Full PDB file with SEQRES, HELIX, SHEET, SSBOND, CRYST1, ORIGX, SCALE, CONECT and MASTER records, all heavy atoms in Angstrom:
SEQRES   1 A   34  VAL ASP LEU SER ARG ALA ALA GLN LEU PHE HIS ALA LEU          
SEQRES   2 A   34  SER ASP GLU THR ARG LEU GLY ILE LEU GLU MET LEU ARG          
SEQRES   3 A   34  SER GLY GLU ARG CYS VAL CYS ASP                              
HELIX    1 AA1 LEU A    3  ALA A   12  1                                  10    
HELIX    2 AA2 GLU A   16  LEU A   25  1                                  10    
CRYST1    1.000    1.000    1.000  90.00  90.00  90.00 P 1           1          
ORIGX1      1.000000  0.000000  0.000000        0.00000                         
ORIGX2      0.000000  1.000000  0.000000        0.00000                         
ORIGX3      0.000000  0.000000  1.000000        0.00000                         
SCALE1      1.000000  0.000000  0.000000        0.00000                         
SCALE2      0.000000  1.000000  0.000000        0.00000                         
SCALE3      0.000000  0.000000  1.000000        0.00000                         
ATOM      1  N   VAL A   1     115.094 124.405  84.111  1.00  0.00           N  
ATOM      2  CA  VAL A   1     114.025 123.853  84.922  1.00  0.00           C  
ATOM      3  C   VAL A   1     113.626 122.485  84.394  1.00  0.00           C  
ATOM      4  O   VAL A   1     113.447 122.297  83.189  1.00  0.00           O  
ATOM      5  CB  VAL A   1     112.818 124.812  84.921  1.00  0.00           C  
ATOM      6  CG1 VAL A   1     111.622 124.189  85.614  1.00  0.00           C  
ATOM      7  CG2 VAL A   1     113.198 126.117  85.587  1.00  0.00           C  
ATOM      8  N   ASP A   2     113.497 121.530  85.283  1.00  0.00           N  
ATOM      9  CA  ASP A   2     113.014 120.195  84.969  1.00  0.00           C  
ATOM     10  C   ASP A   2     111.502 120.300  84.801  1.00  0.00           C  
ATOM     11  O   ASP A   2     110.774 120.532  85.770  1.00  0.00           O  
ATOM     12  CB  ASP A   2     113.395 119.246  86.106  1.00  0.00           C  
ATOM     13  CG  ASP A   2     112.878 117.849  85.940  1.00  0.00           C  
ATOM     14  OD1 ASP A   2     111.986 117.606  85.096  1.00  0.00           O  
ATOM     15  OD2 ASP A   2     113.366 116.971  86.672  1.00  0.00           O  
ATOM     16  N   LEU A   3     111.010 120.159  83.578  1.00  0.00           N  
ATOM     17  CA  LEU A   3     109.590 120.358  83.304  1.00  0.00           C  
ATOM     18  C   LEU A   3     108.713 119.347  84.030  1.00  0.00           C  
ATOM     19  O   LEU A   3     107.620 119.679  84.477  1.00  0.00           O  
ATOM     20  CB  LEU A   3     109.330 120.317  81.805  1.00  0.00           C  
ATOM     21  CG  LEU A   3     109.953 121.455  81.003  1.00  0.00           C  
ATOM     22  CD1 LEU A   3     109.640 121.287  79.521  1.00  0.00           C  
ATOM     23  CD2 LEU A   3     109.490 122.804  81.506  1.00  0.00           C  
ATOM     24  N   SER A   4     109.181 118.127  84.174  1.00  0.00           N  
ATOM     25  CA  SER A   4     108.415 117.117  84.890  1.00  0.00           C  
ATOM     26  C   SER A   4     108.266 117.510  86.358  1.00  0.00           C  
ATOM     27  O   SER A   4     107.181 117.405  86.944  1.00  0.00           O  
ATOM     28  CB  SER A   4     109.106 115.757  84.763  1.00  0.00           C  
ATOM     29  OG  SER A   4     108.424 114.788  85.515  1.00  0.00           O  
ATOM     30  N   ARG A   5     109.336 117.990  86.950  1.00  0.00           N  
ATOM     31  CA  ARG A   5     109.304 118.429  88.348  1.00  0.00           C  
ATOM     32  C   ARG A   5     108.403 119.653  88.497  1.00  0.00           C  
ATOM     33  O   ARG A   5     107.617 119.756  89.439  1.00  0.00           O  
ATOM     34  CB  ARG A   5     110.737 118.733  88.823  1.00  0.00           C  
ATOM     35  CG  ARG A   5     110.814 119.300  90.210  1.00  0.00           C  
ATOM     36  CD  ARG A   5     110.439 118.275  91.266  1.00  0.00           C  
ATOM     37  NE  ARG A   5     110.590 118.868  92.591  1.00  0.00           N  
ATOM     38  CZ  ARG A   5     109.729 118.724  93.578  1.00  0.00           C  
ATOM     39  NH1 ARG A   5     108.675 117.960  93.424  1.00  0.00           N  
ATOM     40  NH2 ARG A   5     109.924 119.307  94.727  1.00  0.00           N  
ATOM     41  N   ALA A   6     108.517 120.587  87.553  1.00  0.00           N  
ATOM     42  CA  ALA A   6     107.675 121.779  87.595  1.00  0.00           C  
ATOM     43  C   ALA A   6     106.201 121.387  87.518  1.00  0.00           C  
ATOM     44  O   ALA A   6     105.374 121.918  88.263  1.00  0.00           O  
ATOM     45  CB  ALA A   6     108.038 122.736  86.465  1.00  0.00           C  
ATOM     46  N   ALA A   7     105.866 120.441  86.641  1.00  0.00           N  
ATOM     47  CA  ALA A   7     104.480 119.985  86.516  1.00  0.00           C  
ATOM     48  C   ALA A   7     103.994 119.371  87.825  1.00  0.00           C  
ATOM     49  O   ALA A   7     102.847 119.603  88.250  1.00  0.00           O  
ATOM     50  CB  ALA A   7     104.349 118.990  85.370  1.00  0.00           C  
ATOM     51  N   GLN A   8     104.851 118.608  88.485  1.00  0.00           N  
ATOM     52  CA  GLN A   8     104.488 118.001  89.765  1.00  0.00           C  
ATOM     53  C   GLN A   8     104.198 119.076  90.816  1.00  0.00           C  
ATOM     54  O   GLN A   8     103.210 118.996  91.552  1.00  0.00           O  
ATOM     55  CB  GLN A   8     105.601 117.078  90.242  1.00  0.00           C  
ATOM     56  CG  GLN A   8     105.294 116.364  91.540  1.00  0.00           C  
ATOM     57  CD  GLN A   8     106.469 115.540  92.047  1.00  0.00           C  
ATOM     58  OE1 GLN A   8     107.624 115.911  91.872  1.00  0.00           O  
ATOM     59  NE2 GLN A   8     106.160 114.415  92.666  1.00  0.00           N  
ATOM     60  N   LEU A   9     105.047 120.083  90.874  1.00  0.00           N  
ATOM     61  CA  LEU A   9     104.855 121.172  91.840  1.00  0.00           C  
ATOM     62  C   LEU A   9     103.583 121.958  91.539  1.00  0.00           C  
ATOM     63  O   LEU A   9     102.778 122.219  92.438  1.00  0.00           O  
ATOM     64  CB  LEU A   9     106.066 122.102  91.835  1.00  0.00           C  
ATOM     65  CG  LEU A   9     107.345 121.532  92.435  1.00  0.00           C  
ATOM     66  CD1 LEU A   9     108.537 122.419  92.089  1.00  0.00           C  
ATOM     67  CD2 LEU A   9     107.209 121.364  93.938  1.00  0.00           C  
ATOM     68  N   PHE A  10     103.389 122.326  90.275  1.00  0.00           N  
ATOM     69  CA  PHE A  10     102.211 123.109  89.916  1.00  0.00           C  
ATOM     70  C   PHE A  10     100.932 122.301  90.125  1.00  0.00           C  
ATOM     71  O   PHE A  10      99.910 122.841  90.548  1.00  0.00           O  
ATOM     72  CB  PHE A  10     102.298 123.633  88.487  1.00  0.00           C  
ATOM     73  CG  PHE A  10     103.324 124.724  88.319  1.00  0.00           C  
ATOM     74  CD1 PHE A  10     104.298 124.636  87.342  1.00  0.00           C  
ATOM     75  CD2 PHE A  10     103.321 125.847  89.131  1.00  0.00           C  
ATOM     76  CE1 PHE A  10     105.234 125.635  87.175  1.00  0.00           C  
ATOM     77  CE2 PHE A  10     104.255 126.861  88.984  1.00  0.00           C  
ATOM     78  CZ  PHE A  10     105.219 126.751  88.001  1.00  0.00           C  
ATOM     79  N   HIS A  11     100.972 121.000  89.832  1.00  0.00           N  
ATOM     80  CA  HIS A  11      99.809 120.146  90.077  1.00  0.00           C  
ATOM     81  C   HIS A  11      99.448 120.150  91.565  1.00  0.00           C  
ATOM     82  O   HIS A  11      98.271 120.254  91.927  1.00  0.00           O  
ATOM     83  CB  HIS A  11     100.054 118.713  89.609  1.00  0.00           C  
ATOM     84  CG  HIS A  11      99.011 117.763  90.113  1.00  0.00           C  
ATOM     85  ND1 HIS A  11      97.726 117.732  89.614  1.00  0.00           N  
ATOM     86  CD2 HIS A  11      99.047 116.846  91.103  1.00  0.00           C  
ATOM     87  CE1 HIS A  11      97.021 116.829  90.279  1.00  0.00           C  
ATOM     88  NE2 HIS A  11      97.803 116.275  91.179  1.00  0.00           N  
ATOM     89  N   ALA A  12     100.459 120.043  92.411  1.00  0.00           N  
ATOM     90  CA  ALA A  12     100.210 120.016  93.852  1.00  0.00           C  
ATOM     91  C   ALA A  12      99.547 121.305  94.323  1.00  0.00           C  
ATOM     92  O   ALA A  12      98.804 121.299  95.306  1.00  0.00           O  
ATOM     93  CB  ALA A  12     101.514 119.774  94.612  1.00  0.00           C  
ATOM     94  N   LEU A  13      99.770 122.396  93.623  1.00  0.00           N  
ATOM     95  CA  LEU A  13      99.187 123.682  94.004  1.00  0.00           C  
ATOM     96  C   LEU A  13      97.873 123.978  93.294  1.00  0.00           C  
ATOM     97  O   LEU A  13      97.283 125.032  93.504  1.00  0.00           O  
ATOM     98  CB  LEU A  13     100.177 124.810  93.698  1.00  0.00           C  
ATOM     99  CG  LEU A  13     101.477 124.772  94.491  1.00  0.00           C  
ATOM    100  CD1 LEU A  13     102.381 125.905  94.049  1.00  0.00           C  
ATOM    101  CD2 LEU A  13     101.217 124.827  95.972  1.00  0.00           C  
ATOM    102  N   SER A  14      97.403 123.044  92.484  1.00  0.00           N  
ATOM    103  CA  SER A  14      96.230 123.314  91.649  1.00  0.00           C  
ATOM    104  C   SER A  14      94.908 123.038  92.347  1.00  0.00           C  
ATOM    105  O   SER A  14      93.878 122.910  91.688  1.00  0.00           O  
ATOM    106  CB  SER A  14      96.315 122.494  90.359  1.00  0.00           C  
ATOM    107  OG  SER A  14      96.159 121.106  90.643  1.00  0.00           O  
ATOM    108  N   ASP A  15      94.923 122.955  93.650  1.00  0.00           N  
ATOM    109  CA  ASP A  15      93.711 122.663  94.392  1.00  0.00           C  
ATOM    110  C   ASP A  15      93.586 123.635  95.562  1.00  0.00           C  
ATOM    111  O   ASP A  15      94.557 123.885  96.283  1.00  0.00           O  
ATOM    112  CB  ASP A  15      93.746 121.222  94.906  1.00  0.00           C  
ATOM    113  CG  ASP A  15      92.490 120.860  95.659  1.00  0.00           C  
ATOM    114  OD1 ASP A  15      91.540 120.388  95.015  1.00  0.00           O  
ATOM    115  OD2 ASP A  15      92.462 121.073  96.888  1.00  0.00           O  
ATOM    116  N   GLU A  16      92.391 124.170  95.751  1.00  0.00           N  
ATOM    117  CA  GLU A  16      92.159 125.159  96.801  1.00  0.00           C  
ATOM    118  C   GLU A  16      92.430 124.600  98.203  1.00  0.00           C  
ATOM    119  O   GLU A  16      92.970 125.301  99.065  1.00  0.00           O  
ATOM    120  CB  GLU A  16      90.725 125.663  96.706  1.00  0.00           C  
ATOM    121  CG  GLU A  16      90.439 126.851  97.578  1.00  0.00           C  
ATOM    122  CD  GLU A  16      89.048 127.410  97.334  1.00  0.00           C  
ATOM    123  OE1 GLU A  16      88.473 127.188  96.265  1.00  0.00           O  
ATOM    124  OE2 GLU A  16      88.547 128.085  98.252  1.00  0.00           O  
ATOM    125  N   THR A  17      92.092 123.341  98.428  1.00  0.00           N  
ATOM    126  CA  THR A  17      92.345 122.743  99.745  1.00  0.00           C  
ATOM    127  C   THR A  17      93.836 122.646 100.014  1.00  0.00           C  
ATOM    128  O   THR A  17      94.304 122.964 101.112  1.00  0.00           O  
ATOM    129  CB  THR A  17      91.695 121.337  99.841  1.00  0.00           C  
ATOM    130  OG1 THR A  17      90.285 121.478  99.682  1.00  0.00           O  
ATOM    131  CG2 THR A  17      91.999 120.678 101.176  1.00  0.00           C  
ATOM    132  N   ARG A  18      94.612 122.243  99.009  1.00  0.00           N  
ATOM    133  CA  ARG A  18      96.063 122.132  99.200  1.00  0.00           C  
ATOM    134  C   ARG A  18      96.685 123.508  99.427  1.00  0.00           C  
ATOM    135  O   ARG A  18      97.599 123.660 100.243  1.00  0.00           O  
ATOM    136  CB  ARG A  18      96.696 121.384  98.032  1.00  0.00           C  
ATOM    137  CG  ARG A  18      96.254 119.924  98.009  1.00  0.00           C  
ATOM    138  CD  ARG A  18      97.052 119.083  97.059  1.00  0.00           C  
ATOM    139  NE  ARG A  18      96.798 119.297  95.660  1.00  0.00           N  
ATOM    140  CZ  ARG A  18      95.906 118.640  94.922  1.00  0.00           C  
ATOM    141  NH1 ARG A  18      95.133 117.725  95.472  1.00  0.00           N  
ATOM    142  NH2 ARG A  18      95.772 118.884  93.642  1.00  0.00           N  
ATOM    143  N   LEU A  19      96.186 124.510  98.720  1.00  0.00           N  
ATOM    144  CA  LEU A  19      96.673 125.875  98.972  1.00  0.00           C  
ATOM    145  C   LEU A  19      96.308 126.317 100.387  1.00  0.00           C  
ATOM    146  O   LEU A  19      97.103 126.972 101.060  1.00  0.00           O  
ATOM    147  CB  LEU A  19      96.095 126.847  97.943  1.00  0.00           C  
ATOM    148  CG  LEU A  19      96.642 126.711  96.524  1.00  0.00           C  
ATOM    149  CD1 LEU A  19      95.839 127.579  95.556  1.00  0.00           C  
ATOM    150  CD2 LEU A  19      98.122 127.052  96.477  1.00  0.00           C  
ATOM    151  N   GLY A  20      95.133 125.936 100.843  1.00  0.00           N  
ATOM    152  CA  GLY A  20      94.722 126.255 102.209  1.00  0.00           C  
ATOM    153  C   GLY A  20      95.622 125.596 103.238  1.00  0.00           C  
ATOM    154  O   GLY A  20      95.966 126.199 104.258  1.00  0.00           O  
ATOM    155  N   ILE A  21      96.009 124.354 102.967  1.00  0.00           N  
ATOM    156  CA  ILE A  21      96.934 123.648 103.873  1.00  0.00           C  
ATOM    157  C   ILE A  21      98.259 124.394 103.952  1.00  0.00           C  
ATOM    158  O   ILE A  21      98.780 124.639 105.037  1.00  0.00           O  
ATOM    159  CB  ILE A  21      97.143 122.195 103.411  1.00  0.00           C  
ATOM    160  CG1 ILE A  21      95.857 121.381 103.596  1.00  0.00           C  
ATOM    161  CG2 ILE A  21      98.304 121.548 104.157  1.00  0.00           C  
ATOM    162  CD1 ILE A  21      95.874 120.026 102.898  1.00  0.00           C  
ATOM    163  N   LEU A  22      98.791 124.775 102.791  1.00  0.00           N  
ATOM    164  CA  LEU A  22     100.063 125.507 102.789  1.00  0.00           C  
ATOM    165  C   LEU A  22      99.928 126.848 103.503  1.00  0.00           C  
ATOM    166  O   LEU A  22     100.834 127.258 104.237  1.00  0.00           O  
ATOM    167  CB  LEU A  22     100.566 125.702 101.357  1.00  0.00           C  
ATOM    168  CG  LEU A  22     101.039 124.433 100.653  1.00  0.00           C  
ATOM    169  CD1 LEU A  22     101.391 124.735  99.208  1.00  0.00           C  
ATOM    170  CD2 LEU A  22     102.206 123.802 101.387  1.00  0.00           C  
ATOM    171  N   GLU A  23      98.808 127.513 103.315  1.00  0.00           N  
ATOM    172  CA  GLU A  23      98.580 128.786 104.007  1.00  0.00           C  
ATOM    173  C   GLU A  23      98.618 128.572 105.519  1.00  0.00           C  
ATOM    174  O   GLU A  23      99.218 129.357 106.248  1.00  0.00           O  
ATOM    175  CB  GLU A  23      97.228 129.383 103.581  1.00  0.00           C  
ATOM    176  CG  GLU A  23      96.875 130.670 104.288  1.00  0.00           C  
ATOM    177  CD  GLU A  23      97.801 131.825 103.969  1.00  0.00           C  
ATOM    178  OE1 GLU A  23      98.371 131.871 102.862  1.00  0.00           O  
ATOM    179  OE2 GLU A  23      97.961 132.689 104.848  1.00  0.00           O  
ATOM    180  N   MET A  24      97.995 127.502 105.984  1.00  0.00           N  
ATOM    181  CA  MET A  24      97.991 127.216 107.414  1.00  0.00           C  
ATOM    182  C   MET A  24      99.387 126.874 107.931  1.00  0.00           C  
ATOM    183  O   MET A  24      99.729 127.185 109.067  1.00  0.00           O  
ATOM    184  CB  MET A  24      97.038 126.061 107.719  1.00  0.00           C  
ATOM    185  CG  MET A  24      95.575 126.440 107.529  1.00  0.00           C  
ATOM    186  SD  MET A  24      94.481 125.027 107.715  1.00  0.00           S  
ATOM    187  CE  MET A  24      94.795 124.577 109.405  1.00  0.00           C  
ATOM    188  N   LEU A  25     100.196 126.257 107.087  1.00  0.00           N  
ATOM    189  CA  LEU A  25     101.539 125.840 107.505  1.00  0.00           C  
ATOM    190  C   LEU A  25     102.558 126.976 107.432  1.00  0.00           C  
ATOM    191  O   LEU A  25     103.687 126.813 107.903  1.00  0.00           O  
ATOM    192  CB  LEU A  25     102.012 124.649 106.666  1.00  0.00           C  
ATOM    193  CG  LEU A  25     101.200 123.365 106.837  1.00  0.00           C  
ATOM    194  CD1 LEU A  25     101.717 122.286 105.886  1.00  0.00           C  
ATOM    195  CD2 LEU A  25     101.226 122.876 108.278  1.00  0.00           C  
ATOM    196  N   ARG A  26     102.172 128.101 106.854  1.00  0.00           N  
ATOM    197  CA  ARG A  26     103.097 129.242 106.771  1.00  0.00           C  
ATOM    198  C   ARG A  26     103.592 129.672 108.141  1.00  0.00           C  
ATOM    199  O   ARG A  26     104.723 130.126 108.284  1.00  0.00           O  
ATOM    200  CB  ARG A  26     102.428 130.434 106.086  1.00  0.00           C  
ATOM    201  CG  ARG A  26     102.274 130.266 104.600  1.00  0.00           C  
ATOM    202  CD  ARG A  26     101.639 131.475 103.955  1.00  0.00           C  
ATOM    203  NE  ARG A  26     102.443 132.655 104.216  1.00  0.00           N  
ATOM    204  CZ  ARG A  26     101.949 133.886 104.318  1.00  0.00           C  
ATOM    205  NH1 ARG A  26     100.666 134.093 104.207  1.00  0.00           N  
ATOM    206  NH2 ARG A  26     102.746 134.898 104.540  1.00  0.00           N  
ATOM    207  N   SER A  27     102.742 129.540 109.148  1.00  0.00           N  
ATOM    208  CA  SER A  27     103.122 129.989 110.484  1.00  0.00           C  
ATOM    209  C   SER A  27     103.921 128.935 111.242  1.00  0.00           C  
ATOM    210  O   SER A  27     104.353 129.180 112.365  1.00  0.00           O  
ATOM    211  CB  SER A  27     101.878 130.374 111.284  1.00  0.00           C  
ATOM    212  OG  SER A  27     101.013 129.259 111.412  1.00  0.00           O  
ATOM    213  N   GLY A  28     104.125 127.772 110.636  1.00  0.00           N  
ATOM    214  CA  GLY A  28     104.921 126.731 111.272  1.00  0.00           C  
ATOM    215  C   GLY A  28     104.221 125.385 111.262  1.00  0.00           C  
ATOM    216  O   GLY A  28     103.129 125.229 110.729  1.00  0.00           O  
ATOM    217  N   GLU A  29     104.874 124.441 111.865  1.00  0.00           N  
ATOM    218  CA  GLU A  29     104.398 123.060 111.916  1.00  0.00           C  
ATOM    219  C   GLU A  29     103.020 122.982 112.571  1.00  0.00           C  
ATOM    220  O   GLU A  29     102.746 123.672 113.545  1.00  0.00           O  
ATOM    221  CB  GLU A  29     105.413 122.241 112.713  1.00  0.00           C  
ATOM    222  CG  GLU A  29     105.121 120.780 112.786  1.00  0.00           C  
ATOM    223  CD  GLU A  29     106.198 120.043 113.559  1.00  0.00           C  
ATOM    224  OE1 GLU A  29     106.203 120.152 114.803  1.00  0.00           O  
ATOM    225  OE2 GLU A  29     107.018 119.387 112.916  1.00  0.00           O  
ATOM    226  N   ARG A  30     102.164 122.119 112.005  1.00  0.00           N  
ATOM    227  CA  ARG A  30     100.813 121.936 112.547  1.00  0.00           C  
ATOM    228  C   ARG A  30     100.479 120.458 112.634  1.00  0.00           C  
ATOM    229  O   ARG A  30     100.852 119.666 111.764  1.00  0.00           O  
ATOM    230  CB  ARG A  30      99.767 122.601 111.651  1.00  0.00           C  
ATOM    231  CG  ARG A  30      99.916 124.081 111.432  1.00  0.00           C  
ATOM    232  CD  ARG A  30      99.488 124.937 112.606  1.00  0.00           C  
ATOM    233  NE  ARG A  30      98.083 124.845 112.908  1.00  0.00           N  
ATOM    234  CZ  ARG A  30      97.156 125.669 112.448  1.00  0.00           C  
ATOM    235  NH1 ARG A  30      97.496 126.670 111.653  1.00  0.00           N  
ATOM    236  NH2 ARG A  30      95.899 125.520 112.806  1.00  0.00           N  
ATOM    237  N   CYS A  31      99.727 120.101 113.650  1.00  0.00           N  
ATOM    238  CA  CYS A  31      99.233 118.745 113.824  1.00  0.00           C  
ATOM    239  C   CYS A  31      98.126 118.499 112.793  1.00  0.00           C  
ATOM    240  O   CYS A  31      97.340 119.398 112.486  1.00  0.00           O  
ATOM    241  CB  CYS A  31      98.684 118.570 115.239  1.00  0.00           C  
ATOM    242  SG  CYS A  31      97.961 116.942 115.527  1.00  0.00           S  
ATOM    243  N   VAL A  32      98.072 117.289 112.288  1.00  0.00           N  
ATOM    244  CA  VAL A  32      97.057 116.964 111.300  1.00  0.00           C  
ATOM    245  C   VAL A  32      95.653 117.172 111.860  1.00  0.00           C  
ATOM    246  O   VAL A  32      94.734 117.559 111.133  1.00  0.00           O  
ATOM    247  CB  VAL A  32      97.264 115.534 110.731  1.00  0.00           C  
ATOM    248  CG1 VAL A  32      96.910 114.479 111.756  1.00  0.00           C  
ATOM    249  CG2 VAL A  32      96.476 115.332 109.460  1.00  0.00           C  
ATOM    250  N   CYS A  33      95.470 116.964 113.147  1.00  0.00           N  
ATOM    251  CA  CYS A  33      94.143 117.177 113.746  1.00  0.00           C  
ATOM    252  C   CYS A  33      93.748 118.649 113.679  1.00  0.00           C  
ATOM    253  O   CYS A  33      92.574 118.978 113.469  1.00  0.00           O  
ATOM    254  CB  CYS A  33      94.086 116.646 115.174  1.00  0.00           C  
ATOM    255  SG  CYS A  33      95.222 117.442 116.305  1.00  0.00           S  
ATOM    256  N   ASP A  34      94.715 119.561 113.825  1.00  0.00           N  
ATOM    257  CA  ASP A  34      94.437 120.998 113.697  1.00  0.00           C  
ATOM    258  C   ASP A  34      94.059 121.356 112.264  1.00  0.00           C  
ATOM    259  O   ASP A  34      93.142 122.147 112.028  1.00  0.00           O  
ATOM    260  CB  ASP A  34      95.638 121.835 114.122  1.00  0.00           C  
ATOM    261  CG  ASP A  34      95.944 121.736 115.601  1.00  0.00           C  
ATOM    262  OD1 ASP A  34      95.016 121.448 116.390  1.00  0.00           O  
ATOM    263  OD2 ASP A  34      97.120 121.934 115.963  1.00  0.00           O  
TER     264      ASP A  34                                                      
MASTER        0    0    0    2    0    0    0    6  263    1    0    3          
END                                                                             
C-alpha cells in the first residue's frame, strides 16, 4: 500500500459532510444542486 495515497483517501473520509456526500452517491450519479 502506498502510504501517501492511503493518507489522502483516509483524509477525504475524515469529515461527516464528505461521508454524507458519498452516502448520497451510493445510489448513483447526483446533480450538485440535489
